[in-house]
Amino acid sequence: MQNEISADSLKDAYNYIKGSWEYRAAFAFVAAALMIRLARMFLEWLRIRNIKSLAESLGLSYEERPQFGFSLRGLGISLFALGDYSSEAHALKDTSALPGAWYLDYRYAERRGGGGRGYTFSFNFGLALLKNAELSLPKFELSPETIFDRAADLVTKRDIDLPGHPTFSRRYALTGPNRERIISLFSPSLATVFEQLQGDWRVQAAEGCIIAFKKGYVSAGDYPAFIDEARTIFRAFIDDSGHRPKSADAGAGSPVREDCVEEVPFYSRLGMGEISARRQKVSEMILLGVFAAFLAAIIYALSCGL
């Protein structure tokens, strides 16, 4: 009897939901949010897996939670002073081509609003870091110059323009407390390096530490180019300062004999190794298309009462 009552109650509830477009819309919304969340989790898992494989192919050391041996907030870098809390994850440690360099995901979060109605806003970055005791850099911040930066500089006059480098001065906003020392640091060769860079790089430095970063986490397909450009930035400052870490070029590009590579089954290589940025984007679009089709099927089933 109890089972019959329960079955009848469920049937009545089903018929009521079937006849109410508000409930069908609510179910569709929940299903869409769940599928989007699952898709993002899967894509992030795939990105991390490919980054691990990339670390092996490039001879880098992967650390899920990097142990720097120093506090980032104590370095005097402006980015690390932002937010109520921060996290570092999925780091690649450079031990041969540029010792002391790290490439990682960096995130900081801010709490806004008071009481129980506060909100947390997160900011993600693909970050490269170099700490070298031989460097002595003035504190500065460099970022792509926007129309808002130009408008603000009409009042603040904080932007530092490099004499003889109009392209650099138009492209970047360069600020810091010691204008003379910063201008002396950015030699013509260093300015040329930044003029030739691709993408919206941001650079900050203080004494023996320098970071280069971009907004948003770096995809696995874009990571090789990200590392190469970060190394170019770091080496430009090292060379311009007259210093180079020992074994800076050691171990880079060492050839691997094909007859020494262990053959592994095809099925164990699925999803591993480097993939280009274009192939990764195509794969992500296909995956999202599959999820969208599945979601459309759910919405159709709910709307038709199947």
C-alpha atoms as a PDB file:
ATOM      1  CA  MET A   1       0.000   0.000   0.000  1.00  0.00           C
ATOM      2  CA  GLN A   2       2.799   2.352   0.896  1.00  0.00           C
ATOM      3  CA  ASN A   3       4.511   1.583  -2.385  1.00  0.00           C
ATOM      4  CA  GLU A   4       1.309   2.262  -4.311  1.00  0.00           C
ATOM      5  CA  ILE A   5       0.836   5.591  -2.536  1.00  0.00           C
ATOM      6  CA  SER A   6       4.442   6.520  -3.209  1.00  0.00           C
ATOM      7  CA  ALA A   7       4.145   5.559  -6.859  1.00  0.00           C
ATOM      8  CA  ASP A   8       0.925   7.556  -7.227  1.00  0.00           C
ATOM      9  CA  SER A   9       2.499  10.540  -5.512  1.00  0.00           C
ATOM     10  CA  LEU A  10       5.469  10.439  -7.822  1.00  0.00           C
ATOM     11  CA  LYS A  11       3.190  10.118 -10.820  1.00  0.00           C
ATOM     12  CA  ASP A  12       1.142  13.121  -9.703  1.00  0.00           C
ATOM     13  CA  ALA A  13       4.308  15.149  -9.128  1.00  0.00           C
ATOM     14  CA  TYR A  14       5.600  14.163 -12.564  1.00  0.00           C
ATOM     15  CA  ASN A  15       2.357  15.139 -14.263  1.00  0.00           C
ATOM     16  CA  TYR A  16       2.321  18.464 -12.417  1.00  0.00           C
ATOM     17  CA  ILE A  17       5.879  19.257 -13.449  1.00  0.00           C
ATOM     18  CA  LYS A  18       5.130  18.113 -17.011  1.00  0.00           C
ATOM     19  CA  GLY A  19       2.264  20.563 -17.245  1.00  0.00           C
ATOM     20  CA  SER A  20       4.180  23.536 -15.817  1.00  0.00           C
ATOM     21  CA  TRP A  21       6.572  25.378 -18.107  1.00  0.00           C
ATOM     22  CA  GLU A  22       8.090  27.151 -15.086  1.00  0.00           C
ATOM     23  CA  TYR A  23       9.279  23.852 -13.629  1.00  0.00           C
ATOM     24  CA  ARG A  24      10.536  22.636 -17.006  1.00  0.00           C
ATOM     25  CA  ALA A  25      12.472  25.880 -17.428  1.00  0.00           C
ATOM     26  CA  ALA A  26      13.943  25.500 -13.931  1.00  0.00           C
ATOM     27  CA  PHE A  27      15.055  21.941 -14.645  1.00  0.00           C
ATOM     28  CA  ALA A  28      16.567  23.031 -17.966  1.00  0.00           C
ATOM     29  CA  PHE A  29      18.478  25.837 -16.255  1.00  0.00           C
ATOM     30  CA  VAL A  30      19.858  23.495 -13.587  1.00  0.00           C
ATOM     31  CA  ALA A  31      20.835  20.939 -16.229  1.00  0.00           C
ATOM     32  CA  ALA A  32      22.594  23.622 -18.291  1.00  0.00           C
ATOM     33  CA  ALA A  33      24.522  24.923 -15.287  1.00  0.00           C
ATOM     34  CA  LEU A  34      25.558  21.393 -14.335  1.00  0.00           C
ATOM     35  CA  MET A  35      26.722  20.523 -17.848  1.00  0.00           C
ATOM     36  CA  ILE A  36      28.704  23.749 -18.181  1.00  0.00           C
ATOM     37  CA  ARG A  37      30.366  23.093 -14.833  1.00  0.00           C
ATOM     38  CA  LEU A  38      31.224  19.517 -15.799  1.00  0.00           C
ATOM     39  CA  ALA A  39      32.588  20.669 -19.169  1.00  0.00           C
ATOM     40  CA  ARG A  40      34.845  23.246 -17.502  1.00  0.00           C
ATOM     41  CA  MET A  41      36.093  20.687 -14.988  1.00  0.00           C
ATOM     42  CA  PHE A  42      36.894  18.217 -17.752  1.00  0.00           C
ATOM     43  CA  LEU A  43      38.704  20.801 -19.888  1.00  0.00           C
ATOM     44  CA  GLU A  44      40.753  21.917 -16.883  1.00  0.00           C
ATOM     45  CA  TRP A  45      41.653  18.301 -16.099  1.00  0.00           C
ATOM     46  CA  LEU A  46      42.727  17.828 -19.718  1.00  0.00           C
ATOM     47  CA  ARG A  47      44.816  21.030 -19.619  1.00  0.00           C
ATOM     48  CA  ILE A  48      46.662  19.932 -16.479  1.00  0.00           C
ATOM     49  CA  ARG A  49      47.291  16.477 -17.888  1.00  0.00           C
ATOM     50  CA  ASN A  50      48.842  17.938 -21.033  1.00  0.00           C
ATOM     51  CA  ILE A  51      50.960  20.351 -18.985  1.00  0.00           C
ATOM     52  CA  LYS A  52      52.388  17.391 -17.047  1.00  0.00           C
ATOM     53  CA  SER A  53      53.276  15.672 -20.318  1.00  0.00           C
ATOM     54  CA  LEU A  54      54.787  18.911 -21.597  1.00  0.00           C
ATOM     55  CA  ALA A  55      57.014  19.152 -18.514  1.00  0.00           C
ATOM     56  CA  GLU A  56      58.480  15.731 -19.266  1.00  0.00           C
ATOM     57  CA  SER A  57      59.129  16.554 -22.917  1.00  0.00           C
ATOM     58  CA  LEU A  58      60.845  19.882 -22.079  1.00  0.00           C
ATOM     59  CA  GLY A  59      62.912  18.531 -19.202  1.00  0.00           C
ATOM     60  CA  LEU A  60      61.093  20.614 -16.591  1.00  0.00           C
ATOM     61  CA  SER A  61      60.062  19.549 -13.106  1.00  0.00           C
ATOM     62  CA  TYR A  62      56.310  19.548 -12.406  1.00  0.00           C
ATOM     63  CA  GLU A  63      54.988  20.450  -8.965  1.00  0.00           C
ATOM     64  CA  GLU A  64      51.268  20.578  -8.300  1.00  0.00           C
ATOM     65  CA  ARG A  65      51.836  22.826  -5.267  1.00  0.00           C
ATOM     66  CA  PRO A  66      55.198  24.542  -5.795  1.00  0.00           C
ATOM     67  CA  GLN A  67      57.631  24.876  -2.903  1.00  0.00           C
ATOM     68  CA  PHE A  68      59.601  28.037  -3.669  1.00  0.00           C
ATOM     69  CA  GLY A  69      61.496  28.237  -0.418  1.00  0.00           C
ATOM     70  CA  PHE A  70      60.464  31.879  -0.011  1.00  0.00           C
ATOM     71  CA  SER A  71      57.294  33.906   0.461  1.00  0.00           C
ATOM     72  CA  LEU A  72      55.889  35.558  -2.645  1.00  0.00           C
ATOM     73  CA  ARG A  73      54.346  38.371  -0.619  1.00  0.00           C
ATOM     74  CA  GLY A  74      57.765  39.154   0.820  1.00  0.00           C
ATOM     75  CA  LEU A  75      59.368  39.790  -2.580  1.00  0.00           C
ATOM     76  CA  GLY A  76      58.085  43.345  -2.910  1.00  0.00           C
ATOM     77  CA  ILE A  77      56.257  42.600  -6.182  1.00  0.00           C
ATOM     78  CA  SER A  78      53.016  44.560  -6.599  1.00  0.00           C
ATOM     79  CA  LEU A  79      50.972  41.627  -7.964  1.00  0.00           C
ATOM     80  CA  PHE A  80      51.723  39.487  -4.912  1.00  0.00           C
ATOM     81  CA  ALA A  81      50.422  42.191  -2.575  1.00  0.00           C
ATOM     82  CA  LEU A  82      46.949  42.095  -4.130  1.00  0.00           C
ATOM     83  CA  GLY A  83      43.999  40.134  -2.795  1.00  0.00           C
ATOM     84  CA  ASP A  84      42.934  38.718   0.536  1.00  0.00           C
ATOM     85  CA  TYR A  85      44.489  35.376  -0.302  1.00  0.00           C
ATOM     86  CA  SER A  86      46.304  33.757  -3.211  1.00  0.00           C
ATOM     87  CA  SER A  87      47.270  30.336  -4.513  1.00  0.00           C
ATOM     88  CA  GLU A  88      49.949  28.889  -6.768  1.00  0.00           C
ATOM     89  CA  ALA A  89      49.509  25.599  -8.604  1.00  0.00           C
ATOM     90  CA  HIS A  90      50.712  23.393 -11.464  1.00  0.00           C
ATOM     91  CA  ALA A  91      54.200  24.841 -11.603  1.00  0.00           C
ATOM     92  CA  LEU A  92      56.992  23.918 -13.986  1.00  0.00           C
ATOM     93  CA  LYS A  93      60.445  24.396 -12.471  1.00  0.00           C
ATOM     94  CA  ASP A  94      63.297  25.267 -14.802  1.00  0.00           C
ATOM     95  CA  THR A  95      66.450  23.460 -13.669  1.00  0.00           C
ATOM     96  CA  SER A  96      68.615  23.565 -16.813  1.00  0.00           C
ATOM     97  CA  ALA A  97      67.856  26.211 -19.439  1.00  0.00           C
ATOM     98  CA  LEU A  98      67.237  28.995 -16.915  1.00  0.00           C
ATOM     99  CA  PRO A  99      67.789  27.860 -13.306  1.00  0.00           C
ATOM    100  CA  GLY A 100      65.629  29.677 -10.786  1.00  0.00           C
ATOM    101  CA  ALA A 101      62.725  30.220 -13.174  1.00  0.00           C
ATOM    102  CA  TRP A 102      59.187  28.967 -12.563  1.00  0.00           C
ATOM    103  CA  TYR A 103      56.121  28.838 -14.832  1.00  0.00           C
ATOM    104  CA  LEU A 104      52.780  28.376 -13.087  1.00  0.00           C
ATOM    105  CA  ASP A 105      49.119  29.173 -12.518  1.00  0.00           C
ATOM    106  CA  TYR A 106      48.658  32.074 -10.115  1.00  0.00           C
ATOM    107  CA  ARG A 107      45.372  33.183  -8.594  1.00  0.00           C
ATOM    108  CA  TYR A 108      44.368  35.785  -6.050  1.00  0.00           C
ATOM    109  CA  ALA A 109      40.951  36.516  -4.637  1.00  0.00           C
ATOM    110  CA  GLU A 110      39.296  39.550  -3.085  1.00  0.00           C
ATOM    111  CA  ARG A 111      36.346  39.643  -0.720  1.00  0.00           C
ATOM    112  CA  ARG A 112      33.951  42.500  -1.407  1.00  0.00           C
ATOM    113  CA  GLY A 113      30.910  43.470   0.573  1.00  0.00           C
ATOM    114  CA  GLY A 114      30.244  43.169   4.265  1.00  0.00           C
ATOM    115  CA  GLY A 115      28.277  40.885   6.520  1.00  0.00           C
ATOM    116  CA  GLY A 116      26.793  37.712   5.120  1.00  0.00           C
ATOM    117  CA  ARG A 117      26.266  39.213   1.648  1.00  0.00           C
ATOM    118  CA  GLY A 118      29.916  39.496   0.679  1.00  0.00           C
ATOM    119  CA  TYR A 119      31.201  38.247  -2.650  1.00  0.00           C
ATOM    120  CA  THR A 120      34.553  36.769  -3.671  1.00  0.00           C
ATOM    121  CA  PHE A 121      36.153  37.780  -6.964  1.00  0.00           C
ATOM    122  CA  SER A 122      39.006  35.702  -8.369  1.00  0.00           C
ATOM    123  CA  PHE A 123      41.715  36.768 -10.827  1.00  0.00           C
ATOM    124  CA  ASN A 124      43.751  34.160 -12.717  1.00  0.00           C
ATOM    125  CA  PHE A 125      47.129  34.546 -14.397  1.00  0.00           C
ATOM    126  CA  GLY A 126      49.685  32.516 -16.276  1.00  0.00           C
ATOM    127  CA  LEU A 127      52.865  33.574 -14.491  1.00  0.00           C
ATOM    128  CA  ALA A 128      56.615  33.181 -14.958  1.00  0.00           C
ATOM    129  CA  LEU A 129      58.927  34.015 -12.070  1.00  0.00           C
ATOM    130  CA  LEU A 130      62.698  34.361 -11.775  1.00  0.00           C
ATOM    131  CA  LYS A 131      64.532  34.944  -8.529  1.00  0.00           C
ATOM    132  CA  ASN A 132      68.233  35.589  -8.953  1.00  0.00           C
ATOM    133  CA  ALA A 133      70.411  37.015  -6.195  1.00  0.00           C
ATOM    134  CA  GLU A 134      72.801  38.476  -8.787  1.00  0.00           C
ATOM    135  CA  LEU A 135      70.127  40.797 -10.141  1.00  0.00           C
ATOM    136  CA  SER A 136      69.520  44.238  -8.644  1.00  0.00           C
ATOM    137  CA  LEU A 137      66.517  45.754 -10.361  1.00  0.00           C
ATOM    138  CA  PRO A 138      64.569  48.909  -9.580  1.00  0.00           C
ATOM    139  CA  LYS A 139      60.956  48.406  -8.651  1.00  0.00           C
ATOM    140  CA  PHE A 140      58.786  48.905 -11.732  1.00  0.00           C
ATOM    141  CA  GLU A 141      55.572  47.815 -13.406  1.00  0.00           C
ATOM    142  CA  LEU A 142      55.138  47.382 -17.144  1.00  0.00           C
ATOM    143  CA  SER A 143      51.813  46.647 -18.826  1.00  0.00           C
ATOM    144  CA  PRO A 144      50.093  47.198 -22.193  1.00  0.00           C
ATOM    145  CA  GLU A 145      49.054  50.835 -22.411  1.00  0.00           C
ATOM    146  CA  THR A 146      45.335  51.455 -22.852  1.00  0.00           C
ATOM    147  CA  ILE A 147      43.361  54.571 -23.691  1.00  0.00           C
ATOM    148  CA  PHE A 148      42.493  54.863 -19.994  1.00  0.00           C
ATOM    149  CA  ASP A 149      46.199  54.835 -19.099  1.00  0.00           C
ATOM    150  CA  ARG A 150      46.843  57.657 -21.549  1.00  0.00           C
ATOM    151  CA  ALA A 151      43.948  59.670 -20.162  1.00  0.00           C
ATOM    152  CA  ALA A 152      45.082  59.154 -16.563  1.00  0.00           C
ATOM    153  CA  ASP A 153      48.665  60.074 -17.413  1.00  0.00           C
ATOM    154  CA  LEU A 154      47.532  63.517 -18.529  1.00  0.00           C
ATOM    155  CA  VAL A 155      46.937  64.164 -14.819  1.00  0.00           C
ATOM    156  CA  THR A 156      49.320  61.854 -12.958  1.00  0.00           C
ATOM    157  CA  LYS A 157      52.337  62.056 -15.313  1.00  0.00           C
ATOM    158  CA  ARG A 158      53.486  58.680 -13.973  1.00  0.00           C
ATOM    159  CA  ASP A 159      54.125  56.931 -17.297  1.00  0.00           C
ATOM    160  CA  ILE A 160      57.820  56.731 -18.185  1.00  0.00           C
ATOM    161  CA  ASP A 161      58.579  57.198 -21.888  1.00  0.00           C
ATOM    162  CA  LEU A 162      61.896  55.911 -23.211  1.00  0.00           C
ATOM    163  CA  PRO A 163      63.813  58.444 -25.318  1.00  0.00           C
ATOM    164  CA  GLY A 164      64.326  57.196 -28.863  1.00  0.00           C
ATOM    165  CA  HIS A 165      61.745  54.389 -28.568  1.00  0.00           C
ATOM    166  CA  PRO A 166      58.331  55.772 -29.551  1.00  0.00           C
ATOM    167  CA  THR A 167      57.012  52.282 -30.396  1.00  0.00           C
ATOM    168  CA  PHE A 168      57.791  51.016 -26.905  1.00  0.00           C
ATOM    169  CA  SER A 169      56.336  54.133 -25.288  1.00  0.00           C
ATOM    170  CA  ARG A 170      53.103  53.864 -27.284  1.00  0.00           C
ATOM    171  CA  ARG A 171      52.682  50.166 -26.585  1.00  0.00           C
ATOM    172  CA  TYR A 172      53.547  50.000 -22.872  1.00  0.00           C
ATOM    173  CA  ALA A 173      52.803  51.875 -19.684  1.00  0.00           C
ATOM    174  CA  LEU A 174      55.969  51.862 -17.574  1.00  0.00           C
ATOM    175  CA  THR A 175      55.838  53.150 -13.999  1.00  0.00           C
ATOM    176  CA  GLY A 176      57.998  53.055 -10.889  1.00  0.00           C
ATOM    177  CA  PRO A 177      59.254  55.204  -8.012  1.00  0.00           C
ATOM    178  CA  ASN A 178      62.790  55.701  -9.376  1.00  0.00           C
ATOM    179  CA  ARG A 179      62.361  57.180 -12.852  1.00  0.00           C
ATOM    180  CA  GLU A 180      66.052  57.760 -13.542  1.00  0.00           C
ATOM    181  CA  ARG A 181      67.088  54.248 -12.562  1.00  0.00           C
ATOM    182  CA  ILE A 182      64.296  52.693 -14.634  1.00  0.00           C
ATOM    183  CA  ILE A 183      65.245  54.683 -17.733  1.00  0.00           C
ATOM    184  CA  SER A 184      68.862  53.597 -17.210  1.00  0.00           C
ATOM    185  CA  LEU A 185      67.763  49.949 -16.931  1.00  0.00           C
ATOM    186  CA  PHE A 186      65.730  49.928 -20.154  1.00  0.00           C
ATOM    187  CA  SER A 187      68.560  50.097 -22.653  1.00  0.00           C
ATOM    188  CA  PRO A 188      67.871  50.174 -26.420  1.00  0.00           C
ATOM    189  CA  SER A 189      68.422  46.405 -26.666  1.00  0.00           C
ATOM    190  CA  LEU A 190      65.995  45.709 -23.817  1.00  0.00           C
ATOM    191  CA  ALA A 191      63.366  48.028 -25.279  1.00  0.00           C
ATOM    192  CA  THR A 192      63.706  46.257 -28.639  1.00  0.00           C
ATOM    193  CA  VAL A 193      63.007  42.896 -27.004  1.00  0.00           C
ATOM    194  CA  PHE A 194      59.686  44.167 -25.671  1.00  0.00           C
ATOM    195  CA  GLU A 195      58.787  45.773 -28.994  1.00  0.00           C
ATOM    196  CA  GLN A 196      59.124  42.358 -30.657  1.00  0.00           C
ATOM    197  CA  LEU A 197      57.067  40.393 -28.103  1.00  0.00           C
ATOM    198  CA  GLN A 198      53.697  38.944 -29.049  1.00  0.00           C
ATOM    199  CA  GLY A 199      50.672  39.177 -26.775  1.00  0.00           C
ATOM    200  CA  ASP A 200      49.811  41.305 -23.772  1.00  0.00           C
ATOM    201  CA  TRP A 201      52.731  40.710 -21.422  1.00  0.00           C
ATOM    202  CA  ARG A 202      52.933  42.358 -18.026  1.00  0.00           C
ATOM    203  CA  VAL A 203      56.231  42.579 -16.151  1.00  0.00           C
ATOM    204  CA  GLN A 204      57.008  43.594 -12.582  1.00  0.00           C
ATOM    205  CA  ALA A 205      60.307  43.587 -10.715  1.00  0.00           C
ATOM    206  CA  ALA A 206      61.899  44.435  -7.410  1.00  0.00           C
ATOM    207  CA  GLU A 207      65.566  43.875  -6.550  1.00  0.00           C
ATOM    208  CA  GLY A 208      66.465  40.248  -7.312  1.00  0.00           C
ATOM    209  CA  CYS A 209      63.053  39.106  -8.512  1.00  0.00           C
ATOM    210  CA  ILE A 210      61.201  39.609 -11.761  1.00  0.00           C
ATOM    211  CA  ILE A 211      57.864  38.223 -12.958  1.00  0.00           C
ATOM    212  CA  ALA A 212      56.222  38.171 -16.377  1.00  0.00           C
ATOM    213  CA  PHE A 213      52.559  37.237 -16.645  1.00  0.00           C
ATOM    214  CA  LYS A 214      49.403  37.248 -18.731  1.00  0.00           C
ATOM    215  CA  LYS A 215      45.766  37.414 -17.725  1.00  0.00           C
ATOM    216  CA  GLY A 216      44.070  34.021 -17.599  1.00  0.00           C
ATOM    217  CA  TYR A 217      45.602  30.575 -17.283  1.00  0.00           C
ATOM    218  CA  VAL A 218      47.780  29.474 -20.201  1.00  0.00           C
ATOM    219  CA  SER A 219      46.457  26.578 -22.285  1.00  0.00           C
ATOM    220  CA  ALA A 220      48.673  23.524 -22.711  1.00  0.00           C
ATOM    221  CA  GLY A 221      49.000  24.219 -26.435  1.00  0.00           C
ATOM    222  CA  ASP A 222      50.248  27.765 -25.797  1.00  0.00           C
ATOM    223  CA  TYR A 223      52.624  26.809 -22.973  1.00  0.00           C
ATOM    224  CA  PRO A 224      55.786  26.206 -25.074  1.00  0.00           C
ATOM    225  CA  ALA A 225      55.515  29.687 -26.606  1.00  0.00           C
ATOM    226  CA  PHE A 226      54.729  31.144 -23.169  1.00  0.00           C
ATOM    227  CA  ILE A 227      57.894  29.591 -21.700  1.00  0.00           C
ATOM    228  CA  ASP A 228      60.063  30.672 -24.643  1.00  0.00           C
ATOM    229  CA  GLU A 229      58.907  34.290 -24.435  1.00  0.00           C
ATOM    230  CA  ALA A 230      59.261  34.365 -20.646  1.00  0.00           C
ATOM    231  CA  ARG A 231      62.837  33.103 -20.980  1.00  0.00           C
ATOM    232  CA  THR A 232      63.490  35.785 -23.596  1.00  0.00           C
ATOM    233  CA  ILE A 233      62.281  38.457 -21.170  1.00  0.00           C
ATOM    234  CA  PHE A 234      64.308  37.129 -18.263  1.00  0.00           C
ATOM    235  CA  ARG A 235      67.496  36.687 -20.295  1.00  0.00           C
ATOM    236  CA  ALA A 236      67.152  40.209 -21.669  1.00  0.00           C
ATOM    237  CA  PHE A 237      67.288  41.600 -18.120  1.00  0.00           C
ATOM    238  CA  ILE A 238      70.119  39.230 -17.139  1.00  0.00           C
ATOM    239  CA  ASP A 239      72.203  40.132 -20.188  1.00  0.00           C
ATOM    240  CA  ASP A 240      71.487  43.825 -19.788  1.00  0.00           C
ATOM    241  CA  SER A 241      72.609  43.666 -16.175  1.00  0.00           C
ATOM    242  CA  GLY A 242      75.826  41.929 -17.156  1.00  0.00           C
ATOM    243  CA  HIS A 243      74.951  38.703 -15.345  1.00  0.00           C
ATOM    244  CA  ARG A 244      73.980  35.230 -16.441  1.00  0.00           C
ATOM    245  CA  PRO A 245      73.285  32.315 -14.121  1.00  0.00           C
ATOM    246  CA  LYS A 246      75.634  29.391 -14.375  1.00  0.00           C
ATOM    247  CA  SER A 247      74.652  26.692 -16.855  1.00  0.00           C
ATOM    248  CA  ALA A 248      72.039  29.039 -18.286  1.00  0.00           C
ATOM    249  CA  ASP A 249      72.265  27.387 -21.663  1.00  0.00           C
ATOM    250  CA  ALA A 250      73.255  23.973 -20.464  1.00  0.00           C
ATOM    251  CA  GLY A 251      70.920  21.163 -21.256  1.00  0.00           C
ATOM    252  CA  ALA A 252      68.794  23.165 -23.677  1.00  0.00           C
ATOM    253  CA  GLY A 253      67.827  21.364 -26.807  1.00  0.00           C
ATOM    254  CA  SER A 254      69.814  18.184 -26.089  1.00  0.00           C
ATOM    255  CA  PRO A 255      69.142  15.733 -28.897  1.00  0.00           C
ATOM    256  CA  VAL A 256      67.459  12.451 -28.104  1.00  0.00           C
ATOM    257  CA  ARG A 257      68.371   9.365 -30.105  1.00  0.00           C
ATOM    258  CA  GLU A 258      65.333   7.761 -31.657  1.00  0.00           C
ATOM    259  CA  ASP A 259      66.639   4.262 -31.024  1.00  0.00           C
ATOM    260  CA  CYS A 260      66.767   5.028 -27.279  1.00  0.00           C
ATOM    261  CA  VAL A 261      63.130   6.017 -27.033  1.00  0.00           C
ATOM    262  CA  GLU A 262      61.063   3.316 -25.402  1.00  0.00           C
ATOM    263  CA  GLU A 263      58.136   2.191 -27.516  1.00  0.00           C
ATOM    264  CA  VAL A 264      54.854   2.267 -25.630  1.00  0.00           C
ATOM    265  CA  PRO A 265      51.452   0.918 -26.653  1.00  0.00           C
ATOM    266  CA  PHE A 266      49.238   3.211 -28.688  1.00  0.00           C
ATOM    267  CA  TYR A 267      46.425   3.214 -26.144  1.00  0.00           C
ATOM    268  CA  SER A 268      48.761   4.512 -23.398  1.00  0.00           C
ATOM    269  CA  ARG A 269      49.669   7.551 -25.495  1.00  0.00           C
ATOM    270  CA  LEU A 270      46.101   8.751 -25.956  1.00  0.00           C
ATOM    271  CA  GLY A 271      45.684  12.269 -24.563  1.00  0.00           C
ATOM    272  CA  MET A 272      49.411  12.625 -23.859  1.00  0.00           C
ATOM    273  CA  GLY A 273      52.183  14.674 -25.407  1.00  0.00           C
ATOM    274  CA  GLU A 274      52.216  18.151 -26.861  1.00  0.00           C
ATOM    275  CA  ILE A 275      49.324  19.446 -28.897  1.00  0.00           C
ATOM    276  CA  SER A 276      49.211  22.691 -30.810  1.00  0.00           C
ATOM    277  CA  ALA A 277      47.055  25.572 -29.650  1.00  0.00           C
ATOM    278  CA  ARG A 278      44.922  25.240 -32.803  1.00  0.00           C
ATOM    279  CA  ARG A 279      44.323  21.497 -32.284  1.00  0.00           C
ATOM    280  CA  GLN A 280      43.480  22.071 -28.636  1.00  0.00           C
ATOM    281  CA  LYS A 281      40.913  24.753 -29.495  1.00  0.00           C
ATOM    282  CA  VAL A 282      39.342  22.469 -32.105  1.00  0.00           C
ATOM    283  CA  SER A 283      39.162  19.647 -29.561  1.00  0.00           C
ATOM    284  CA  GLU A 284      37.566  21.953 -27.012  1.00  0.00           C
ATOM    285  CA  MET A 285      34.992  23.136 -29.563  1.00  0.00           C
ATOM    286  CA  ILE A 286      34.097  19.541 -30.443  1.00  0.00           C
ATOM    287  CA  LEU A 287      33.778  18.652 -26.774  1.00  0.00           C
ATOM    288  CA  LEU A 288      31.573  21.655 -26.064  1.00  0.00           C
ATOM    289  CA  GLY A 289      29.480  20.743 -29.097  1.00  0.00           C
ATOM    290  CA  VAL A 290      28.902  17.260 -27.686  1.00  0.00           C
ATOM    291  CA  PHE A 291      27.906  18.711 -24.327  1.00  0.00           C
ATOM    292  CA  ALA A 292      25.600  21.215 -26.040  1.00  0.00           C
ATOM    293  CA  ALA A 293      23.911  18.407 -27.998  1.00  0.00           C
ATOM    294  CA  PHE A 294      23.426  16.405 -24.814  1.00  0.00           C
ATOM    295  CA  LEU A 295      22.008  19.463 -23.069  1.00  0.00           C
ATOM    296  CA  ALA A 296      19.642  20.122 -25.967  1.00  0.00           C
ATOM    297  CA  ALA A 297      18.427  16.532 -25.698  1.00  0.00           C
ATOM    298  CA  ILE A 298      17.698  17.030 -21.987  1.00  0.00           C
ATOM    299  CA  ILE A 299      15.784  20.267 -22.659  1.00  0.00           C
ATOM    300  CA  TYR A 300      13.822  18.608 -25.456  1.00  0.00           C
ATOM    301  CA  ALA A 301      12.938  15.650 -23.230  1.00  0.00           C
ATOM    302  CA  LEU A 302      11.753  17.964 -20.464  1.00  0.00           C
ATOM    303  CA  SER A 303       9.730  20.170 -22.807  1.00  0.00           C
ATOM    304  CA  CYS A 304       8.022  17.190 -24.441  1.00  0.00           C
ATOM    305  CA  GLY A 305       7.474  15.346 -21.189  1.00  0.00           C
ATOM    306  CA  LEU A 306       9.484  12.281 -22.236  1.00  0.00           C
END
